[in-house]
């Protein structure tokens, strides 16, 4: 290749990068809306909580495959040998969150949390078993409780084809990192919808002031639910939504939302359950109402080293220091705010997508939203 052709190709490549960056959809704060009153962390993501890792695999193939996997690891070590306190809460239980009974009973998490589509949950759980059993030090492990959540992406994805395979789940776990988290139509949110628009993966975080402990709360969501979209307290598209109700009322609202909450505050499962409840307020703050066919779950865990639960210990007793009940309210606010912003980020970052049987879901129309917000000032 001569120098002129090389320079021309390099120029085109650089221009494509610049135009791609210019056309990239913003997060909600980049759009100029700042939900809540607490400050987000440096990444404004669940990975602002020290130790938390996120990995994703996105499957977009042909016209029919629009799905994927998102894996959340509480720390980078052997999670089975160094379990973390955890709890879950269901606002509406139309879902398939595998592993919840043991989390409820023992108050601990011993595997990564994996999110995918509804019909891939059993396979994903089997992949998590392979991962845990294959870790060094787990050679004698005979019981594992994989935690796998889901939403149904069957409108845009050939869900019956069950295109997510073990290798995709293991790849997502292997790729997990502590950096920025990709949002929108990626990972387990590739084929999802939210409030009638394109949904996906979203994340956000909040850091408490030093006088309130300085703790961090991070949230990651997989959005696939409905309702009447509220942005910054205003009902966007209310008239359009009301006009679609009639005999079809409720059909667009059937769906699910998975909420994963991480914090570095030293909490046991009891207060983590309370924290999970408050994170689900993010759904309500954005206009969801836990419809009949919606699986609305939150699972929360603490990364604080002082409350980790060793799998084996020679001592029958353990001593830990935990946050008092009367210090929980700031964390509750942080969870509600971060969940609200994470849901909105999932929509702001998601792009219009076509998929299974030629179906199409439009992205949240930011130009209309801007005009709407300016008209309400």
Protein backbone atom coordinates (compact mmCIF):
# COMPACT_ATOMS: atom_id res chain seq x y z
CA UNK A 1 0.00 0.00 0.00
CA UNK A 2 1.51 3.40 -0.98
CA UNK A 3 1.64 6.35 1.43
CA UNK A 4 -1.26 8.29 -0.19
CA UNK A 5 -3.66 5.36 0.10
CA UNK A 6 -2.52 4.69 3.66
CA UNK A 7 -3.06 8.33 4.68
CA UNK A 8 -6.49 8.36 3.01
CA UNK A 9 -7.54 5.17 4.85
CA UNK A 10 -6.20 6.55 8.13
CA UNK A 11 -8.16 9.77 7.64
CA UNK A 12 -11.39 7.88 6.94
CA UNK A 13 -10.82 5.71 10.01
CA UNK A 14 -10.23 8.70 12.26
CA UNK A 15 -13.30 10.49 10.88
CA UNK A 16 -15.41 7.41 11.54
CA UNK A 17 -14.23 7.36 15.15
CA UNK A 18 -14.99 11.06 15.57
CA UNK A 19 -18.43 10.79 13.97
CA UNK A 20 -19.17 7.66 15.99
CA UNK A 21 -18.32 9.48 19.22
CA UNK A 22 -20.40 12.49 18.14
CA UNK A 23 -23.41 10.31 17.36
CA UNK A 24 -23.19 8.22 20.52
CA UNK A 25 -26.27 8.52 22.69
CA UNK A 26 -25.68 10.26 26.03
CA UNK A 27 -26.28 9.04 29.55
CA UNK A 28 -28.97 11.00 31.34
CA UNK A 29 -26.50 13.30 33.12
CA UNK A 30 -24.79 14.09 29.84
CA UNK A 31 -28.24 15.04 28.57
CA UNK A 32 -28.49 17.60 31.38
CA UNK A 33 -30.79 15.81 33.84
CA UNK A 34 -29.39 14.92 37.27
CA UNK A 35 -31.71 12.64 39.23
CA UNK A 36 -31.62 12.86 43.00
CA UNK A 37 -29.50 14.90 45.40
CA UNK A 38 -26.59 12.61 46.23
CA UNK A 39 -23.37 12.62 44.22
CA UNK A 40 -22.49 9.69 41.95
CA UNK A 41 -19.15 7.94 42.07
CA UNK A 42 -16.33 8.55 39.55
CA UNK A 43 -17.76 6.07 37.02
CA UNK A 44 -21.39 6.50 38.09
CA UNK A 45 -21.59 2.71 37.91
CA UNK A 46 -21.90 -0.36 40.12
CA UNK A 47 -18.14 -0.80 39.68
CA UNK A 48 -17.61 2.29 41.86
CA UNK A 49 -18.14 -0.16 44.74
CA UNK A 50 -14.67 -1.48 45.48
CA UNK A 51 -14.10 -5.03 44.23
CA UNK A 52 -17.19 -5.33 42.02
CA UNK A 53 -16.56 -6.63 38.49
CA UNK A 54 -18.92 -6.68 35.49
CA UNK A 55 -18.56 -8.67 32.26
CA UNK A 56 -20.90 -8.87 29.28
CA UNK A 57 -21.40 -10.84 26.09
CA UNK A 58 -23.72 -9.47 23.40
CA UNK A 59 -25.26 -11.77 20.79
CA UNK A 60 -26.53 -10.04 17.64
CA UNK A 61 -26.69 -12.40 14.67
CA UNK A 62 -28.80 -12.27 11.53
CA UNK A 63 -32.36 -11.00 11.95
CA UNK A 64 -33.47 -13.16 14.86
CA UNK A 65 -30.78 -13.29 17.56
CA UNK A 66 -30.82 -10.34 19.98
CA UNK A 67 -29.76 -11.52 23.42
CA UNK A 68 -26.76 -11.91 25.73
CA UNK A 69 -25.28 -12.31 29.19
CA UNK A 70 -24.27 -9.90 31.97
CA UNK A 71 -22.22 -11.20 34.90
CA UNK A 72 -21.67 -9.35 38.19
CA UNK A 73 -18.93 -10.56 40.54
CA UNK A 74 -18.82 -9.25 44.15
CA UNK A 75 -15.03 -9.58 44.17
CA UNK A 76 -12.25 -11.02 42.05
CA UNK A 77 -11.37 -13.92 44.33
CA UNK A 78 -12.96 -17.30 44.92
CA UNK A 79 -16.50 -16.23 45.76
CA UNK A 80 -17.44 -19.69 47.02
CA UNK A 81 -14.61 -19.72 49.56
CA UNK A 82 -15.11 -16.05 50.48
CA UNK A 83 -18.87 -15.60 50.38
CA UNK A 84 -20.51 -12.22 50.81
CA UNK A 85 -23.67 -11.34 52.77
CA UNK A 86 -26.64 -10.95 50.45
CA UNK A 87 -30.43 -10.73 50.32
CA UNK A 88 -33.16 -10.41 47.74
CA UNK A 89 -36.61 -8.90 47.58
CA UNK A 90 -39.43 -9.36 45.05
CA UNK A 91 -41.94 -6.59 44.36
CA UNK A 92 -43.76 -8.93 41.96
CA UNK A 93 -42.67 -12.52 41.56
CA UNK A 94 -43.41 -13.27 37.90
CA UNK A 95 -39.84 -14.34 37.17
CA UNK A 96 -37.18 -17.01 37.34
CA UNK A 97 -34.50 -15.76 39.72
CA UNK A 98 -32.69 -19.01 40.44
CA UNK A 99 -31.01 -19.49 43.81
CA UNK A 100 -33.19 -17.18 45.89
CA UNK A 101 -34.34 -19.70 48.51
CA UNK A 102 -30.81 -20.37 49.71
CA UNK A 103 -29.93 -16.68 49.63
CA UNK A 104 -33.02 -16.05 51.75
CA UNK A 105 -32.24 -18.90 54.15
CA UNK A 106 -28.50 -18.38 54.66
CA UNK A 107 -28.15 -14.71 53.79
CA UNK A 108 -25.11 -15.16 51.59
CA UNK A 109 -23.95 -15.21 47.98
CA UNK A 110 -21.40 -17.78 46.81
CA UNK A 111 -21.35 -17.31 43.02
CA UNK A 112 -21.38 -14.50 40.49
CA UNK A 113 -24.82 -13.08 39.67
CA UNK A 114 -25.63 -13.81 36.04
CA UNK A 115 -28.39 -12.11 34.03
CA UNK A 116 -29.71 -13.45 30.71
CA UNK A 117 -33.01 -14.22 28.97
CA UNK A 118 -35.83 -16.29 30.48
CA UNK A 119 -35.32 -19.57 28.65
CA UNK A 120 -31.54 -19.52 29.14
CA UNK A 121 -31.65 -19.52 32.96
CA UNK A 122 -31.13 -23.29 33.46
CA UNK A 123 -28.21 -23.38 31.03
CA UNK A 124 -26.66 -20.28 32.61
CA UNK A 125 -26.95 -21.85 36.06
CA UNK A 126 -25.16 -24.95 34.75
CA UNK A 127 -22.39 -22.74 33.38
CA UNK A 128 -22.00 -21.04 36.76
CA UNK A 129 -21.64 -24.51 38.31
CA UNK A 130 -18.84 -25.27 35.83
CA UNK A 131 -17.12 -22.01 36.76
CA UNK A 132 -17.29 -22.52 40.52
CA UNK A 133 -16.37 -26.22 40.44
CA UNK A 134 -13.41 -25.42 38.21
CA UNK A 135 -11.84 -22.85 40.55
CA UNK A 136 -8.66 -23.82 42.35
CA UNK A 137 -9.48 -24.79 45.92
CA UNK A 138 -12.98 -26.02 45.06
CA UNK A 139 -11.99 -29.56 44.15
CA UNK A 140 -14.06 -31.08 46.96
CA UNK A 141 -17.09 -28.80 46.64
CA UNK A 142 -20.30 -30.84 46.30
CA UNK A 143 -23.03 -28.19 46.54
CA UNK A 144 -23.22 -24.81 44.82
CA UNK A 145 -26.07 -22.26 44.71
CA UNK A 146 -25.90 -20.42 41.34
CA UNK A 147 -27.83 -17.14 41.21
CA UNK A 148 -29.23 -16.36 37.76
CA UNK A 149 -31.82 -13.70 36.92
CA UNK A 150 -33.66 -12.91 33.70
CA UNK A 151 -36.07 -10.89 31.67
CA UNK A 152 -37.96 -12.07 28.59
CA UNK A 153 -36.48 -10.66 25.38
CA UNK A 154 -38.77 -12.70 23.11
CA UNK A 155 -40.20 -9.71 21.23
CA UNK A 156 -36.88 -8.94 19.51
CA UNK A 157 -35.09 -12.24 20.06
CA UNK A 158 -35.79 -15.80 18.95
CA UNK A 159 -35.98 -16.83 22.59
CA UNK A 160 -37.11 -20.39 21.84
CA UNK A 161 -33.88 -20.92 19.92
CA UNK A 162 -31.96 -20.64 23.22
CA UNK A 163 -28.93 -19.16 21.54
CA UNK A 164 -27.07 -18.34 24.75
CA UNK A 165 -24.59 -21.14 25.40
CA UNK A 166 -22.33 -22.09 28.30
CA UNK A 167 -19.32 -20.57 26.60
CA UNK A 168 -21.07 -17.19 26.48
CA UNK A 169 -21.75 -17.25 30.22
CA UNK A 170 -18.19 -18.32 31.02
CA UNK A 171 -16.85 -15.63 28.68
CA UNK A 172 -18.88 -12.93 30.43
CA UNK A 173 -17.52 -14.06 33.81
CA UNK A 174 -13.96 -14.22 32.46
CA UNK A 175 -14.25 -10.72 30.92
CA UNK A 176 -15.53 -9.15 34.14
CA UNK A 177 -13.59 -6.00 35.06
CA UNK A 178 -13.76 -3.06 37.41
CA UNK A 179 -13.89 -0.32 34.78
CA UNK A 180 -16.74 1.51 33.05
CA UNK A 181 -19.84 -0.57 32.34
CA UNK A 182 -21.27 -0.59 28.83
CA UNK A 183 -24.96 0.31 28.80
CA UNK A 184 -27.97 0.12 26.54
CA UNK A 185 -28.54 -2.76 24.11
CA UNK A 186 -25.72 -4.93 25.39
CA UNK A 187 -25.32 -8.14 27.37
CA UNK A 188 -28.52 -9.35 28.97
CA UNK A 189 -30.24 -6.16 27.81
CA UNK A 190 -29.57 -6.66 24.12
CA UNK A 191 -33.16 -7.53 23.20
CA UNK A 192 -35.16 -5.90 25.99
CA UNK A 193 -37.80 -3.13 26.01
CA UNK A 194 -38.69 -0.53 28.63
CA UNK A 195 -41.79 1.70 28.82
CA UNK A 196 -42.50 0.90 25.17
CA UNK A 197 -39.03 2.03 24.05
CA UNK A 198 -35.75 0.16 23.76
CA UNK A 199 -34.43 -0.90 27.15
CA UNK A 200 -31.25 -2.64 28.19
CA UNK A 201 -28.48 -2.56 30.77
CA UNK A 202 -28.06 0.55 32.90
CA UNK A 203 -26.00 1.44 35.93
CA UNK A 204 -25.41 4.24 38.42
CA UNK A 205 -23.91 4.87 41.85
CA UNK A 206 -24.09 7.19 44.83
CA UNK A 207 -21.47 8.14 47.44
CA UNK A 208 -22.61 9.22 50.88
CA UNK A 209 -21.04 12.28 52.53
CA UNK A 210 -18.31 11.54 55.05
CA UNK A 211 -20.54 12.42 57.99
CA UNK A 212 -22.90 9.64 56.82
CA UNK A 213 -20.13 7.09 56.52
CA UNK A 214 -18.80 7.86 53.04
CA UNK A 215 -20.16 4.53 51.79
CA UNK A 216 -20.83 3.77 48.13
CA UNK A 217 -23.99 2.18 46.72
CA UNK A 218 -23.95 0.94 43.13
CA UNK A 219 -26.83 -0.41 41.05
CA UNK A 220 -27.03 -2.31 37.76
CA UNK A 221 -30.37 -2.99 36.07
CA UNK A 222 -31.71 -5.13 33.25
CA UNK A 223 -34.84 -3.27 32.13
CA UNK A 224 -37.74 -4.91 30.33
CA UNK A 225 -40.81 -3.47 32.08
CA UNK A 226 -43.57 -0.98 31.39
CA UNK A 227 -45.71 1.75 32.90
CA UNK A 228 -45.98 5.49 32.25
CA UNK A 229 -42.44 6.81 31.85
CA UNK A 230 -41.47 9.50 34.36
CA UNK A 231 -38.31 11.53 33.79
CA UNK A 232 -37.25 14.06 36.39
CA UNK A 233 -40.73 13.78 37.90
CA UNK A 234 -42.53 14.52 34.63
CA UNK A 235 -44.75 12.03 32.72
CA UNK A 236 -43.11 11.88 29.29
CA UNK A 237 -45.45 10.63 26.54
CA UNK A 238 -48.48 10.54 28.83
CA UNK A 239 -50.97 11.50 26.13
CA UNK A 240 -49.52 9.01 23.64
CA UNK A 241 -49.51 6.28 26.29
CA UNK A 242 -53.11 6.96 27.34
CA UNK A 243 -54.25 6.81 23.73
CA UNK A 244 -52.82 3.29 23.40
CA UNK A 245 -54.56 1.86 26.45
CA UNK A 246 -58.14 0.93 25.42
CA UNK A 247 -58.50 -2.83 24.94
CA UNK A 248 -54.72 -3.18 24.88
CA UNK A 249 -54.30 -1.77 28.38
CA UNK A 250 -51.68 -3.61 30.34
CA UNK A 251 -50.09 -5.56 27.51
CA UNK A 252 -47.17 -3.17 27.07
CA UNK A 253 -46.66 -3.14 30.82
CA UNK A 254 -45.98 -6.85 31.14
CA UNK A 255 -42.26 -7.40 31.57
CA UNK A 256 -39.56 -7.53 34.17
CA UNK A 257 -36.76 -5.57 35.77
CA UNK A 258 -33.73 -7.09 37.49
CA UNK A 259 -31.96 -4.82 39.97
CA UNK A 260 -28.53 -5.70 41.39
CA UNK A 261 -27.32 -3.60 44.33
CA UNK A 262 -23.78 -3.51 45.68
CA UNK A 263 -22.42 -1.56 48.65
CA UNK A 264 -19.22 -1.35 50.65
CA UNK A 265 -21.18 -0.58 53.83
CA UNK A 266 -20.78 -3.37 56.41
CA UNK A 267 -24.25 -4.90 56.38
CA UNK A 268 -25.66 -8.32 57.14
CA UNK A 269 -28.39 -9.93 55.07
CA UNK A 270 -31.14 -8.39 57.22
CA UNK A 271 -30.31 -4.80 56.31
CA UNK A 272 -29.33 -5.82 52.78
CA UNK A 273 -32.90 -7.02 52.33
CA UNK A 274 -34.11 -3.62 53.47
CA UNK A 275 -31.70 -2.00 51.01
CA UNK A 276 -32.98 -4.20 48.18
CA UNK A 277 -36.55 -3.07 48.91
CA UNK A 278 -35.56 0.57 48.54
CA UNK A 279 -33.72 -0.05 45.29
CA UNK A 280 -37.01 -1.26 43.79
CA UNK A 281 -38.35 2.24 44.39
CA UNK A 282 -36.31 3.20 41.33
CA UNK A 283 -38.88 1.37 39.21
CA UNK A 284 -41.72 3.36 40.76
CA UNK A 285 -39.82 6.65 40.49
CA UNK A 286 -39.55 6.11 36.73
CA UNK A 287 -43.23 5.22 36.31
CA UNK A 288 -43.37 1.45 36.72
CA UNK A 289 -45.96 -0.14 38.99
CA UNK A 290 -45.04 -3.85 39.22
CA UNK A 291 -47.66 -5.15 36.80
CA UNK A 292 -49.23 -8.61 36.96
CA UNK A 293 -46.79 -10.16 34.50
CA UNK A 294 -43.68 -8.37 35.70
CA UNK A 295 -40.83 -10.02 37.57
CA UNK A 296 -39.41 -7.16 39.61
CA UNK A 297 -36.52 -8.37 41.76
CA UNK A 298 -33.64 -6.79 43.62
CA UNK A 299 -30.65 -8.66 44.99
CA UNK A 300 -28.20 -6.80 47.21
CA UNK A 301 -24.79 -7.71 48.59
CA UNK A 302 -22.01 -6.12 50.62
CA UNK A 303 -18.36 -6.15 49.58
CA UNK A 304 -17.05 -5.01 52.97
CA UNK A 305 -14.22 -7.37 53.92
CA UNK A 306 -15.20 -7.31 57.57
CA UNK A 307 -18.50 -9.06 56.86
CA UNK A 308 -17.29 -11.67 54.37
CA UNK A 309 -18.19 -15.24 55.23
CA UNK A 310 -15.34 -17.76 54.92
CA UNK A 311 -16.49 -21.14 53.67
CA UNK A 312 -14.35 -22.92 56.26
CA UNK A 313 -13.09 -21.77 59.64
CA UNK A 314 -11.84 -23.68 62.67
CA UNK A 315 -13.78 -21.41 65.05
CA UNK A 316 -17.50 -21.92 65.68
CA UNK A 317 -18.07 -18.20 66.32
CA UNK A 318 -17.25 -15.08 64.33
CA UNK A 319 -17.21 -11.44 65.37
CA UNK A 320 -18.13 -8.67 62.96
CA UNK A 321 -18.98 -4.98 63.12
CA UNK A 322 -22.07 -3.87 61.21
CA UNK A 323 -23.84 -0.61 60.59
CA UNK A 324 -26.63 0.25 63.00
CA UNK A 325 -30.26 0.43 61.89
CA UNK A 326 -30.47 4.15 62.56
CA UNK A 327 -27.63 4.74 60.06
CA UNK A 328 -29.41 3.04 57.18
CA UNK A 329 -31.61 5.85 55.84
CA UNK A 330 -28.89 7.54 53.73
CA UNK A 331 -28.15 4.18 52.12
CA UNK A 332 -31.85 3.74 51.37
CA UNK A 333 -31.90 7.10 49.57
CA UNK A 334 -28.74 6.19 47.67
CA UNK A 335 -30.23 2.89 46.48
CA UNK A 336 -33.47 4.52 45.29
CA UNK A 337 -31.64 7.31 43.45
CA UNK A 338 -29.07 5.01 41.85
CA UNK A 339 -31.75 2.58 40.67
CA UNK A 340 -33.80 5.40 39.16
CA UNK A 341 -30.81 6.75 37.26
CA UNK A 342 -29.67 3.28 36.18
CA UNK A 343 -33.08 2.57 34.63
CA UNK A 344 -33.02 5.86 32.74
CA UNK A 345 -29.43 5.27 31.61
CA UNK A 346 -30.49 1.93 30.16
CA UNK A 347 -32.98 3.77 27.95
CA UNK A 348 -30.87 6.81 27.10
CA UNK A 349 -27.99 4.63 25.89
CA UNK A 350 -30.13 2.07 24.01
CA UNK A 351 -30.50 2.49 20.26
CA UNK A 352 -33.38 1.60 17.96
CA UNK A 353 -33.28 -2.11 17.16
CA UNK A 354 -34.95 -4.46 14.69
CA UNK A 355 -35.06 -8.16 15.32
CA UNK A 356 -37.14 -11.32 15.38
CA UNK A 357 -39.80 -11.54 12.63
CA UNK A 358 -38.96 -8.00 11.50
CA UNK A 359 -40.14 -6.42 14.73
CA UNK A 360 -38.72 -3.04 15.65
CA UNK A 361 -38.44 -1.10 18.88
CA UNK A 362 -37.60 2.60 18.77
CA UNK A 363 -35.08 4.22 21.06
CA UNK A 364 -36.22 6.86 23.51
CA UNK A 365 -36.63 9.96 21.25
CA UNK A 366 -34.21 12.40 22.83
CA UNK A 367 -35.17 15.27 20.53
CA UNK A 368 -38.82 15.01 21.60
CA UNK A 369 -37.75 14.63 25.21
CA UNK A 370 -35.65 17.78 25.03
CA UNK A 371 -38.55 19.78 23.62
CA UNK A 372 -40.86 18.30 26.27
CA UNK A 373 -38.51 19.21 29.13
CA UNK A 374 -37.99 22.74 27.82
CA UNK A 375 -41.73 23.21 27.45
CA UNK A 376 -42.26 22.32 31.10
CA UNK A 377 -39.75 24.83 32.47
